[in-house]
Amino acid sequence: MKCRIFMITALVALAICGCSDSDDFVVPSQGGTSLTIELESGRTYLGESVDGIRPVYWSSGDCIKANDLTSSEAKIDEENAQVAVFEFGTKLTYPCNVLYPSTIYKNATTVTLPSIQNAAVNGTIATNTLPMATCVNEEGSRLKLHHLTGVIHLQLRACDDEWSDKVRIIEFWGGSEDPESSNVSHEQVSGDFTIDYETATLTSTSSEKSAQKVCVLVTGELSTDRLTDVFIVVPAQEYKDGFTVRVMNEDGQYLDKTKPSSQSVAKGEIIKMPEIQFIPTNTKIGVEIPSGQ
């Protein structure tokens, strides 16, 4: 049985100087703008689950995009890591499109979801992984950043110590057949997407095979006596033929787990899969471990 955990979207607190919430909106002396963003849940560093909700904290190095401007790195509140300040050297103009993380911005209407993700050693969602966006219509308005993607939550265990340090790659694609070796059309999960900031919606733009798969790089070791969490960030959409997760070791041996029926992945939703015990098959495929991003 799958478990769905809904994540509360982030709150961006914007207020005009002089109002009661003036501490949330500051115009630096250089004439730029500072935005204070408070996270309630869902991004960027996941803590332990409490009553089905995972608290979230800003991570060092996090940046946002406002229109085509990139903020400074997050200045994280030392007492509450769910709050951070992002500064811009130029005063923002409105309406203003806000995007997290800034690294996926391509142009005013396009974002690029990476084909390679990193799985942190402790199993949390890595920095600059879980996209959110919104449109600010006017200065001083209050708004929320809305999730653009969902998350597949894997729980992995090694079958014995021989394989505990060899799992290096986890792949995800829509349907049961590997896009690279079939003529079946799959959903796009990486590459360029058109973005609508007002509705926080991504629209596929590519039918290339390379855009129909996402790869998660695993560091650290699997345990034989406890589960290791791995999170895969995927576009929020209907996967009409389900999806497949492939766990692969450094020798090219792999184990596939497939959900054969249609699966809807909602924005900001974590879909928790049953435990996967990695028992390598005798099948080997050519495997080249890509560099992390």
C-alpha atoms as a PDB file:
ATOM      1  CA  MET A   1       0.000   0.000   0.000  1.00  0.00           C
ATOM      2  CA  LYS A   2       1.383   3.401  -0.878  1.00  0.00           C
ATOM      3  CA  CYS A   3       1.386   6.185   1.666  1.00  0.00           C
ATOM      4  CA  ARG A   4       0.772   9.754   0.540  1.00  0.00           C
ATOM      5  CA  ILE A   5       2.244  12.563   2.591  1.00  0.00           C
ATOM      6  CA  PHE A   6       1.167  16.067   1.588  1.00  0.00           C
ATOM      7  CA  MET A   7       3.682  18.858   2.028  1.00  0.00           C
ATOM      8  CA  ILE A   8       2.529  22.378   2.890  1.00  0.00           C
ATOM      9  CA  THR A   9       3.822  24.926   0.391  1.00  0.00           C
ATOM     10  CA  ALA A  10       6.271  27.654   1.344  1.00  0.00           C
ATOM     11  CA  LEU A  11       5.132  31.109   2.385  1.00  0.00           C
ATOM     12  CA  VAL A  12       6.815  34.138   0.896  1.00  0.00           C
ATOM     13  CA  ALA A  13       6.252  37.099   3.220  1.00  0.00           C
ATOM     14  CA  LEU A  14       6.342  40.397   1.325  1.00  0.00           C
ATOM     15  CA  ALA A  15       5.294  43.678   2.919  1.00  0.00           C
ATOM     16  CA  ILE A  16       5.809  47.348   2.159  1.00  0.00           C
ATOM     17  CA  CYS A  17       8.159  49.287   4.437  1.00  0.00           C
ATOM     18  CA  GLY A  18       6.218  51.249   7.034  1.00  0.00           C
ATOM     19  CA  CYS A  19       3.425  48.671   7.380  1.00  0.00           C
ATOM     20  CA  SER A  20       3.081  46.417  10.409  1.00  0.00           C
ATOM     21  CA  ASP A  21       5.039  43.677   8.626  1.00  0.00           C
ATOM     22  CA  SER A  22       7.817  45.954   7.439  1.00  0.00           C
ATOM     23  CA  ASP A  23      10.537  43.616   8.768  1.00  0.00           C
ATOM     24  CA  ASP A  24       9.637  41.165   5.989  1.00  0.00           C
ATOM     25  CA  PHE A  25      10.419  43.576   3.159  1.00  0.00           C
ATOM     26  CA  VAL A  26      13.603  45.645   3.201  1.00  0.00           C
ATOM     27  CA  VAL A  27      15.046  47.977   0.575  1.00  0.00           C
ATOM     28  CA  PRO A  28      18.849  47.884   0.979  1.00  0.00           C
ATOM     29  CA  SER A  29      20.802  51.137   0.815  1.00  0.00           C
ATOM     30  CA  GLN A  30      22.054  50.163  -2.669  1.00  0.00           C
ATOM     31  CA  GLY A  31      18.473  50.436  -3.972  1.00  0.00           C
ATOM     32  CA  GLY A  32      17.948  46.693  -4.229  1.00  0.00           C
ATOM     33  CA  THR A  33      15.332  44.433  -2.675  1.00  0.00           C
ATOM     34  CA  SER A  34      15.356  41.790   0.058  1.00  0.00           C
ATOM     35  CA  LEU A  35      12.726  39.052   0.246  1.00  0.00           C
ATOM     36  CA  THR A  36      12.166  37.044   3.412  1.00  0.00           C
ATOM     37  CA  ILE A  37      10.847  33.559   2.710  1.00  0.00           C
ATOM     38  CA  GLU A  38       9.457  31.327   5.424  1.00  0.00           C
ATOM     39  CA  LEU A  39       9.136  27.603   4.841  1.00  0.00           C
ATOM     40  CA  GLU A  40       6.455  25.628   6.593  1.00  0.00           C
ATOM     41  CA  SER A  41       7.129  22.238   4.999  1.00  0.00           C
ATOM     42  CA  GLY A  42       8.241  20.627   1.749  1.00  0.00           C
ATOM     43  CA  ARG A  43      11.612  22.168   0.996  1.00  0.00           C
ATOM     44  CA  THR A  44      14.599  22.318   1.151  1.00  0.00           C
ATOM     45  CA  TYR A  45      16.085  20.001   3.755  1.00  0.00           C
ATOM     46  CA  LEU A  46      13.628  17.408   5.047  1.00  0.00           C
ATOM     47  CA  GLY A  47      13.603  16.555   8.726  1.00  0.00           C
ATOM     48  CA  GLU A  48      12.080  13.516  10.392  1.00  0.00           C
ATOM     49  CA  SER A  49       8.400  12.889   9.717  1.00  0.00           C
ATOM     50  CA  VAL A  50       6.062  14.005  12.499  1.00  0.00           C
ATOM     51  CA  ASP A  51       2.406  12.979  12.139  1.00  0.00           C
ATOM     52  CA  GLY A  52       2.902  12.470   8.396  1.00  0.00           C
ATOM     53  CA  ILE A  53       4.427  15.911   7.777  1.00  0.00           C
ATOM     54  CA  ARG A  54       8.143  16.455   7.269  1.00  0.00           C
ATOM     55  CA  PRO A  55       9.516  19.770   8.526  1.00  0.00           C
ATOM     56  CA  VAL A  56      11.755  21.573   6.090  1.00  0.00           C
ATOM     57  CA  TYR A  57      14.711  23.900   6.413  1.00  0.00           C
ATOM     58  CA  TRP A  58      16.626  26.163   4.089  1.00  0.00           C
ATOM     59  CA  SER A  59      20.048  24.895   3.044  1.00  0.00           C
ATOM     60  CA  SER A  60      23.302  26.755   2.635  1.00  0.00           C
ATOM     61  CA  GLY A  61      23.693  27.852  -0.979  1.00  0.00           C
ATOM     62  CA  ASP A  62      19.974  28.122  -1.753  1.00  0.00           C
ATOM     63  CA  CYS A  63      19.120  30.930  -4.202  1.00  0.00           C
ATOM     64  CA  ILE A  64      15.894  32.110  -5.853  1.00  0.00           C
ATOM     65  CA  LYS A  65      15.157  33.768  -9.169  1.00  0.00           C
ATOM     66  CA  ALA A  66      12.918  36.842  -9.428  1.00  0.00           C
ATOM     67  CA  ASN A  67      12.177  37.511 -13.101  1.00  0.00           C
ATOM     68  CA  ASP A  68      15.677  37.201 -14.609  1.00  0.00           C
ATOM     69  CA  LEU A  69      17.504  38.298 -11.449  1.00  0.00           C
ATOM     70  CA  THR A  70      19.349  35.844  -9.213  1.00  0.00           C
ATOM     71  CA  SER A  71      19.357  36.457  -5.467  1.00  0.00           C
ATOM     72  CA  SER A  72      22.267  36.208  -3.097  1.00  0.00           C
ATOM     73  CA  GLU A  73      22.640  32.931  -1.223  1.00  0.00           C
ATOM     74  CA  ALA A  74      20.098  32.418   1.529  1.00  0.00           C
ATOM     75  CA  LYS A  75      20.831  34.148   4.811  1.00  0.00           C
ATOM     76  CA  ILE A  76      19.347  31.564   7.121  1.00  0.00           C
ATOM     77  CA  ASP A  77      17.906  32.507  10.502  1.00  0.00           C
ATOM     78  CA  GLU A  78      20.239  30.932  13.084  1.00  0.00           C
ATOM     79  CA  GLU A  79      17.357  30.262  15.456  1.00  0.00           C
ATOM     80  CA  ASN A  80      14.854  29.084  12.842  1.00  0.00           C
ATOM     81  CA  ALA A  81      16.251  27.520   9.647  1.00  0.00           C
ATOM     82  CA  GLN A  82      12.788  27.622   8.097  1.00  0.00           C
ATOM     83  CA  VAL A  83      13.304  31.362   7.495  1.00  0.00           C
ATOM     84  CA  ALA A  84      15.826  32.917   5.112  1.00  0.00           C
ATOM     85  CA  VAL A  85      16.470  36.292   3.472  1.00  0.00           C
ATOM     86  CA  PHE A  86      17.336  36.614  -0.228  1.00  0.00           C
ATOM     87  CA  GLU A  87      18.815  39.889  -1.477  1.00  0.00           C
ATOM     88  CA  PHE A  88      18.852  41.446  -4.943  1.00  0.00           C
ATOM     89  CA  GLY A  89      21.160  44.258  -6.010  1.00  0.00           C
ATOM     90  CA  THR A  90      18.392  45.755  -8.149  1.00  0.00           C
ATOM     91  CA  LYS A  91      14.897  46.810  -7.121  1.00  0.00           C
ATOM     92  CA  LEU A  92      12.349  44.295  -8.377  1.00  0.00           C
ATOM     93  CA  THR A  93       9.664  45.230 -10.906  1.00  0.00           C
ATOM     94  CA  TYR A  94       6.119  43.858 -10.872  1.00  0.00           C
ATOM     95  CA  PRO A  95       4.479  41.602 -11.836  1.00  0.00           C
ATOM     96  CA  CYS A  96       7.394  39.429 -10.750  1.00  0.00           C
ATOM     97  CA  ASN A  97       7.887  35.698 -11.352  1.00  0.00           C
ATOM     98  CA  VAL A  98       9.649  33.928  -8.462  1.00  0.00           C
ATOM     99  CA  LEU A  99      11.381  30.572  -8.956  1.00  0.00           C
ATOM    100  CA  TYR A 100      13.210  28.172  -6.669  1.00  0.00           C
ATOM    101  CA  PRO A 101      15.864  26.982  -7.230  1.00  0.00           C
ATOM    102  CA  SER A 102      17.472  29.616  -9.429  1.00  0.00           C
ATOM    103  CA  THR A 103      19.563  26.936 -11.162  1.00  0.00           C
ATOM    104  CA  ILE A 104      16.628  25.581 -13.188  1.00  0.00           C
ATOM    105  CA  TYR A 105      15.808  28.950 -14.803  1.00  0.00           C
ATOM    106  CA  LYS A 106      16.421  28.980 -18.576  1.00  0.00           C
ATOM    107  CA  ASN A 107      14.391  31.967 -19.756  1.00  0.00           C
ATOM    108  CA  ALA A 108      11.183  33.839 -18.928  1.00  0.00           C
ATOM    109  CA  THR A 109       8.950  30.922 -19.931  1.00  0.00           C
ATOM    110  CA  THR A 110      11.198  27.864 -19.600  1.00  0.00           C
ATOM    111  CA  VAL A 111      12.751  25.864 -16.765  1.00  0.00           C
ATOM    112  CA  THR A 112      15.097  22.893 -17.043  1.00  0.00           C
ATOM    113  CA  LEU A 113      14.661  19.926 -14.707  1.00  0.00           C
ATOM    114  CA  PRO A 114      18.021  18.138 -14.364  1.00  0.00           C
ATOM    115  CA  SER A 115      18.387  14.584 -15.646  1.00  0.00           C
ATOM    116  CA  ILE A 116      20.759  13.826 -12.762  1.00  0.00           C
ATOM    117  CA  GLN A 117      19.875  14.283  -9.098  1.00  0.00           C
ATOM    118  CA  ASN A 118      21.966  13.667  -6.010  1.00  0.00           C
ATOM    119  CA  ALA A 119      20.740  11.532  -3.127  1.00  0.00           C
ATOM    120  CA  ALA A 120      22.274  12.882   0.069  1.00  0.00           C
ATOM    121  CA  VAL A 121      24.005  10.404   2.357  1.00  0.00           C
ATOM    122  CA  ASN A 122      21.365  10.842   5.066  1.00  0.00           C
ATOM    123  CA  GLY A 123      18.548  10.274   2.580  1.00  0.00           C
ATOM    124  CA  THR A 124      17.169  13.808   2.561  1.00  0.00           C
ATOM    125  CA  ILE A 125      16.283  15.807  -0.515  1.00  0.00           C
ATOM    126  CA  ALA A 126      19.481  17.443  -1.711  1.00  0.00           C
ATOM    127  CA  THR A 127      19.968  21.196  -2.046  1.00  0.00           C
ATOM    128  CA  ASN A 128      18.454  22.876  -5.129  1.00  0.00           C
ATOM    129  CA  THR A 129      16.286  19.864  -5.972  1.00  0.00           C
ATOM    130  CA  LEU A 130      12.594  20.515  -5.292  1.00  0.00           C
ATOM    131  CA  PRO A 131      11.235  23.292  -7.582  1.00  0.00           C
ATOM    132  CA  MET A 132       8.652  25.865  -6.529  1.00  0.00           C
ATOM    133  CA  ALA A 133       7.293  28.982  -8.227  1.00  0.00           C
ATOM    134  CA  THR A 134       4.733  31.763  -8.062  1.00  0.00           C
ATOM    135  CA  CYS A 135       3.786  35.099  -9.604  1.00  0.00           C
ATOM    136  CA  VAL A 136       3.862  38.305  -7.534  1.00  0.00           C
ATOM    137  CA  ASN A 137       1.397  40.801  -9.009  1.00  0.00           C
ATOM    138  CA  GLU A 138       2.314  43.827  -6.939  1.00  0.00           C
ATOM    139  CA  GLU A 139       4.741  45.002  -4.323  1.00  0.00           C
ATOM    140  CA  GLY A 140       3.580  44.347  -0.795  1.00  0.00           C
ATOM    141  CA  SER A 141       1.322  41.382  -1.587  1.00  0.00           C
ATOM    142  CA  ARG A 142       1.398  38.147   0.391  1.00  0.00           C
ATOM    143  CA  LEU A 143       1.762  34.898  -1.514  1.00  0.00           C
ATOM    144  CA  LYS A 144       2.860  31.306  -1.443  1.00  0.00           C
ATOM    145  CA  LEU A 145       5.457  29.496  -3.492  1.00  0.00           C
ATOM    146  CA  HIS A 146       3.732  26.508  -5.084  1.00  0.00           C
ATOM    147  CA  HIS A 147       5.294  23.135  -5.771  1.00  0.00           C
ATOM    148  CA  LEU A 148       5.942  22.174  -9.391  1.00  0.00           C
ATOM    149  CA  THR A 149       6.847  18.543  -8.713  1.00  0.00           C
ATOM    150  CA  GLY A 150       6.140  15.551  -6.524  1.00  0.00           C
ATOM    151  CA  VAL A 151       8.474  13.079  -4.828  1.00  0.00           C
ATOM    152  CA  ILE A 152       8.887   9.312  -5.007  1.00  0.00           C
ATOM    153  CA  HIS A 153      10.151   8.037  -1.650  1.00  0.00           C
ATOM    154  CA  LEU A 154      12.174   4.809  -1.825  1.00  0.00           C
ATOM    155  CA  GLN A 155      13.182   2.660   1.145  1.00  0.00           C
ATOM    156  CA  LEU A 156      16.225   0.556   0.315  1.00  0.00           C
ATOM    157  CA  ARG A 157      17.964  -2.293   2.113  1.00  0.00           C
ATOM    158  CA  ALA A 158      20.925  -4.451   1.026  1.00  0.00           C
ATOM    159  CA  CYS A 159      20.371  -8.209   0.971  1.00  0.00           C
ATOM    160  CA  ASP A 160      23.835  -8.818   2.476  1.00  0.00           C
ATOM    161  CA  ASP A 161      27.072  -6.989   3.241  1.00  0.00           C
ATOM    162  CA  GLU A 162      28.544  -7.912  -0.148  1.00  0.00           C
ATOM    163  CA  TRP A 163      26.235  -5.461  -1.889  1.00  0.00           C
ATOM    164  CA  SER A 164      25.893  -2.754   0.746  1.00  0.00           C
ATOM    165  CA  ASP A 165      28.464  -0.380  -0.758  1.00  0.00           C
ATOM    166  CA  LYS A 166      27.857  -1.062  -4.451  1.00  0.00           C
ATOM    167  CA  VAL A 167      24.490   0.575  -5.217  1.00  0.00           C
ATOM    168  CA  ARG A 168      25.314   3.744  -7.120  1.00  0.00           C
ATOM    169  CA  ILE A 169      22.429   4.633  -9.469  1.00  0.00           C
ATOM    170  CA  ILE A 170      18.638   4.728  -9.223  1.00  0.00           C
ATOM    171  CA  GLU A 171      16.677   5.479 -12.387  1.00  0.00           C
ATOM    172  CA  PHE A 172      13.039   6.505 -12.784  1.00  0.00           C
ATOM    173  CA  TRP A 173      10.829   6.528 -15.887  1.00  0.00           C
ATOM    174  CA  GLY A 174       7.148   6.355 -16.758  1.00  0.00           C
ATOM    175  CA  GLY A 175       5.755   2.947 -17.801  1.00  0.00           C
ATOM    176  CA  SER A 176       7.450  -0.441 -17.618  1.00  0.00           C
ATOM    177  CA  GLU A 177       9.773  -0.395 -20.638  1.00  0.00           C
ATOM    178  CA  ASP A 178      13.126   1.360 -20.561  1.00  0.00           C
ATOM    179  CA  PRO A 179      12.743   4.410 -22.845  1.00  0.00           C
ATOM    180  CA  GLU A 180      16.217   3.890 -24.266  1.00  0.00           C
ATOM    181  CA  SER A 181      15.414   0.403 -25.535  1.00  0.00           C
ATOM    182  CA  SER A 182      11.781   0.705 -26.659  1.00  0.00           C
ATOM    183  CA  ASN A 183       9.626   2.590 -29.128  1.00  0.00           C
ATOM    184  CA  VAL A 184       6.986   3.332 -26.505  1.00  0.00           C
ATOM    185  CA  SER A 185       6.386   6.992 -25.726  1.00  0.00           C
ATOM    186  CA  HIS A 186       6.890   7.894 -22.071  1.00  0.00           C
ATOM    187  CA  GLU A 187       6.182  10.985 -20.017  1.00  0.00           C
ATOM    188  CA  GLN A 188       8.874  13.645 -19.947  1.00  0.00           C
ATOM    189  CA  VAL A 189      10.608  13.787 -16.548  1.00  0.00           C
ATOM    190  CA  SER A 190      13.698  15.924 -17.229  1.00  0.00           C
ATOM    191  CA  GLY A 191      14.882  18.637 -19.604  1.00  0.00           C
ATOM    192  CA  ASP A 192      13.045  21.784 -20.706  1.00  0.00           C
ATOM    193  CA  PHE A 193       9.470  22.493 -19.601  1.00  0.00           C
ATOM    194  CA  THR A 194       7.287  25.516 -20.250  1.00  0.00           C
ATOM    195  CA  ILE A 195       6.247  27.115 -16.956  1.00  0.00           C
ATOM    196  CA  ASP A 196       3.082  29.022 -16.067  1.00  0.00           C
ATOM    197  CA  TYR A 197       3.952  30.975 -12.920  1.00  0.00           C
ATOM    198  CA  GLU A 198       0.386  31.997 -12.099  1.00  0.00           C
ATOM    199  CA  THR A 199      -0.820  28.387 -11.904  1.00  0.00           C
ATOM    200  CA  ALA A 200       2.588  26.875 -10.995  1.00  0.00           C
ATOM    201  CA  THR A 201       2.251  24.383 -13.849  1.00  0.00           C
ATOM    202  CA  LEU A 202       4.869  22.691 -16.020  1.00  0.00           C
ATOM    203  CA  THR A 203       4.127  21.622 -19.605  1.00  0.00           C
ATOM    204  CA  SER A 204       6.251  19.076 -21.463  1.00  0.00           C
ATOM    205  CA  THR A 205       8.161  20.310 -24.503  1.00  0.00           C
ATOM    206  CA  SER A 206      10.301  17.315 -25.488  1.00  0.00           C
ATOM    207  CA  SER A 207       9.750  13.770 -26.768  1.00  0.00           C
ATOM    208  CA  GLU A 208      13.459  12.935 -26.709  1.00  0.00           C
ATOM    209  CA  LYS A 209      14.374   9.624 -25.057  1.00  0.00           C
ATOM    210  CA  SER A 210      16.936  11.380 -22.881  1.00  0.00           C
ATOM    211  CA  ALA A 211      14.162  13.507 -21.342  1.00  0.00           C
ATOM    212  CA  GLN A 212      12.071  10.456 -20.368  1.00  0.00           C
ATOM    213  CA  LYS A 213      14.372   9.282 -17.591  1.00  0.00           C
ATOM    214  CA  VAL A 214      15.883  10.773 -14.447  1.00  0.00           C
ATOM    215  CA  CYS A 215      18.921   9.376 -12.633  1.00  0.00           C
ATOM    216  CA  VAL A 216      19.681   9.663  -8.910  1.00  0.00           C
ATOM    217  CA  LEU A 217      23.291   9.210  -7.795  1.00  0.00           C
ATOM    218  CA  VAL A 218      23.655   7.334  -4.506  1.00  0.00           C
ATOM    219  CA  THR A 219      26.524   7.984  -2.108  1.00  0.00           C
ATOM    220  CA  GLY A 220      27.217   6.074   1.071  1.00  0.00           C
ATOM    221  CA  GLU A 221      26.256   2.496   1.824  1.00  0.00           C
ATOM    222  CA  LEU A 222      23.011   0.573   2.161  1.00  0.00           C
ATOM    223  CA  SER A 223      22.426  -1.259   5.404  1.00  0.00           C
ATOM    224  CA  THR A 224      21.249  -4.832   5.830  1.00  0.00           C
ATOM    225  CA  ASP A 225      19.393  -4.131   9.068  1.00  0.00           C
ATOM    226  CA  ARG A 226      17.816  -0.723   8.508  1.00  0.00           C
ATOM    227  CA  LEU A 227      16.157   1.130   5.650  1.00  0.00           C
ATOM    228  CA  THR A 228      17.863   3.907   3.694  1.00  0.00           C
ATOM    229  CA  ASP A 229      15.582   6.665   2.363  1.00  0.00           C
ATOM    230  CA  VAL A 230      16.083   7.940  -1.185  1.00  0.00           C
ATOM    231  CA  PHE A 231      13.891  10.675  -2.700  1.00  0.00           C
ATOM    232  CA  ILE A 232      13.338  11.115  -6.445  1.00  0.00           C
ATOM    233  CA  VAL A 233      11.879  14.440  -7.586  1.00  0.00           C
ATOM    234  CA  VAL A 234       9.561  14.022 -10.594  1.00  0.00           C
ATOM    235  CA  PRO A 235       7.132  16.301 -12.475  1.00  0.00           C
ATOM    236  CA  ALA A 236       3.613  16.432 -11.078  1.00  0.00           C
ATOM    237  CA  GLN A 237       1.512  14.694 -13.724  1.00  0.00           C
ATOM    238  CA  GLU A 238      -0.401  11.536 -14.611  1.00  0.00           C
ATOM    239  CA  TYR A 239       1.849   8.574 -15.390  1.00  0.00           C
ATOM    240  CA  LYS A 240      -0.653   6.742 -17.547  1.00  0.00           C
ATOM    241  CA  ASP A 241       1.164   3.380 -17.516  1.00  0.00           C
ATOM    242  CA  GLY A 242       2.584   3.679 -14.026  1.00  0.00           C
ATOM    243  CA  PHE A 243       6.315   3.983 -13.525  1.00  0.00           C
ATOM    244  CA  THR A 244       9.505   1.987 -13.015  1.00  0.00           C
ATOM    245  CA  VAL A 245      12.340   2.387 -10.527  1.00  0.00           C
ATOM    246  CA  ARG A 246      15.641   0.676 -11.379  1.00  0.00           C
ATOM    247  CA  VAL A 247      18.227   0.159  -8.615  1.00  0.00           C
ATOM    248  CA  MET A 248      21.644  -0.492 -10.123  1.00  0.00           C
ATOM    249  CA  ASN A 249      25.039  -1.378  -8.691  1.00  0.00           C
ATOM    250  CA  GLU A 250      28.439  -0.281  -9.947  1.00  0.00           C
ATOM    251  CA  ASP A 251      28.850  -3.572 -11.834  1.00  0.00           C
ATOM    252  CA  GLY A 252      25.742  -2.935 -13.935  1.00  0.00           C
ATOM    253  CA  GLN A 253      23.531  -5.482 -12.182  1.00  0.00           C
ATOM    254  CA  TYR A 254      20.078  -4.134 -11.473  1.00  0.00           C
ATOM    255  CA  LEU A 255      16.695  -4.691  -9.878  1.00  0.00           C
ATOM    256  CA  ASP A 256      13.510  -3.205 -11.381  1.00  0.00           C
ATOM    257  CA  LYS A 257      10.378  -2.372  -9.425  1.00  0.00           C
ATOM    258  CA  THR A 258       7.369  -1.370 -11.522  1.00  0.00           C
ATOM    259  CA  LYS A 259       3.988   0.080 -10.656  1.00  0.00           C
ATOM    260  CA  PRO A 260       2.000  -1.199 -13.650  1.00  0.00           C
ATOM    261  CA  SER A 261      -1.179   0.875 -13.301  1.00  0.00           C
ATOM    262  CA  SER A 262      -1.842   4.564 -13.826  1.00  0.00           C
ATOM    263  CA  GLN A 263      -0.375   6.794 -11.120  1.00  0.00           C
ATOM    264  CA  SER A 264      -1.090  10.455 -10.503  1.00  0.00           C
ATOM    265  CA  VAL A 265       1.700  12.414  -8.816  1.00  0.00           C
ATOM    266  CA  ALA A 266       0.379  15.644  -7.310  1.00  0.00           C
ATOM    267  CA  LYS A 267       2.304  18.833  -6.630  1.00  0.00           C
ATOM    268  CA  GLY A 268       4.063  18.729  -3.279  1.00  0.00           C
ATOM    269  CA  GLU A 269       3.114  15.094  -2.665  1.00  0.00           C
ATOM    270  CA  ILE A 270       5.436  12.362  -1.421  1.00  0.00           C
ATOM    271  CA  ILE A 271       4.495   8.881  -2.632  1.00  0.00           C
ATOM    272  CA  LYS A 272       6.050   6.309  -0.358  1.00  0.00           C
ATOM    273  CA  MET A 273       6.891   2.983  -1.997  1.00  0.00           C
ATOM    274  CA  PRO A 274       7.158  -0.372  -0.196  1.00  0.00           C
ATOM    275  CA  GLU A 275      10.570  -1.530   0.994  1.00  0.00           C
ATOM    276  CA  ILE A 276      12.996  -2.601  -1.723  1.00  0.00           C
ATOM    277  CA  GLN A 277      15.656  -5.159  -0.827  1.00  0.00           C
ATOM    278  CA  PHE A 278      18.423  -4.972  -3.380  1.00  0.00           C
ATOM    279  CA  ILE A 279      19.099  -8.474  -4.656  1.00  0.00           C
ATOM    280  CA  PRO A 280      21.185  -8.122  -7.831  1.00  0.00           C
ATOM    281  CA  THR A 281      20.150 -10.099 -10.894  1.00  0.00           C
ATOM    282  CA  ASN A 282      22.496 -12.013 -13.139  1.00  0.00           C
ATOM    283  CA  THR A 283      21.730  -9.499 -15.878  1.00  0.00           C
ATOM    284  CA  LYS A 284      24.409  -6.934 -16.540  1.00  0.00           C
ATOM    285  CA  ILE A 285      24.062  -3.861 -18.664  1.00  0.00           C
ATOM    286  CA  GLY A 286      26.620  -1.310 -19.725  1.00  0.00           C
ATOM    287  CA  VAL A 287      26.704   1.305 -16.977  1.00  0.00           C
ATOM    288  CA  GLU A 288      28.564   4.595 -16.863  1.00  0.00           C
ATOM    289  CA  ILE A 289      28.196   6.459 -13.585  1.00  0.00           C
ATOM    290  CA  PRO A 290      27.620  10.133 -14.467  1.00  0.00           C
ATOM    291  CA  SER A 291      29.058  13.068 -12.601  1.00  0.00           C
ATOM    292  CA  GLY A 292      26.854  14.714  -9.982  1.00  0.00           C
ATOM    293  CA  GLN A 293      25.188  18.073 -10.553  1.00  0.00           C
END
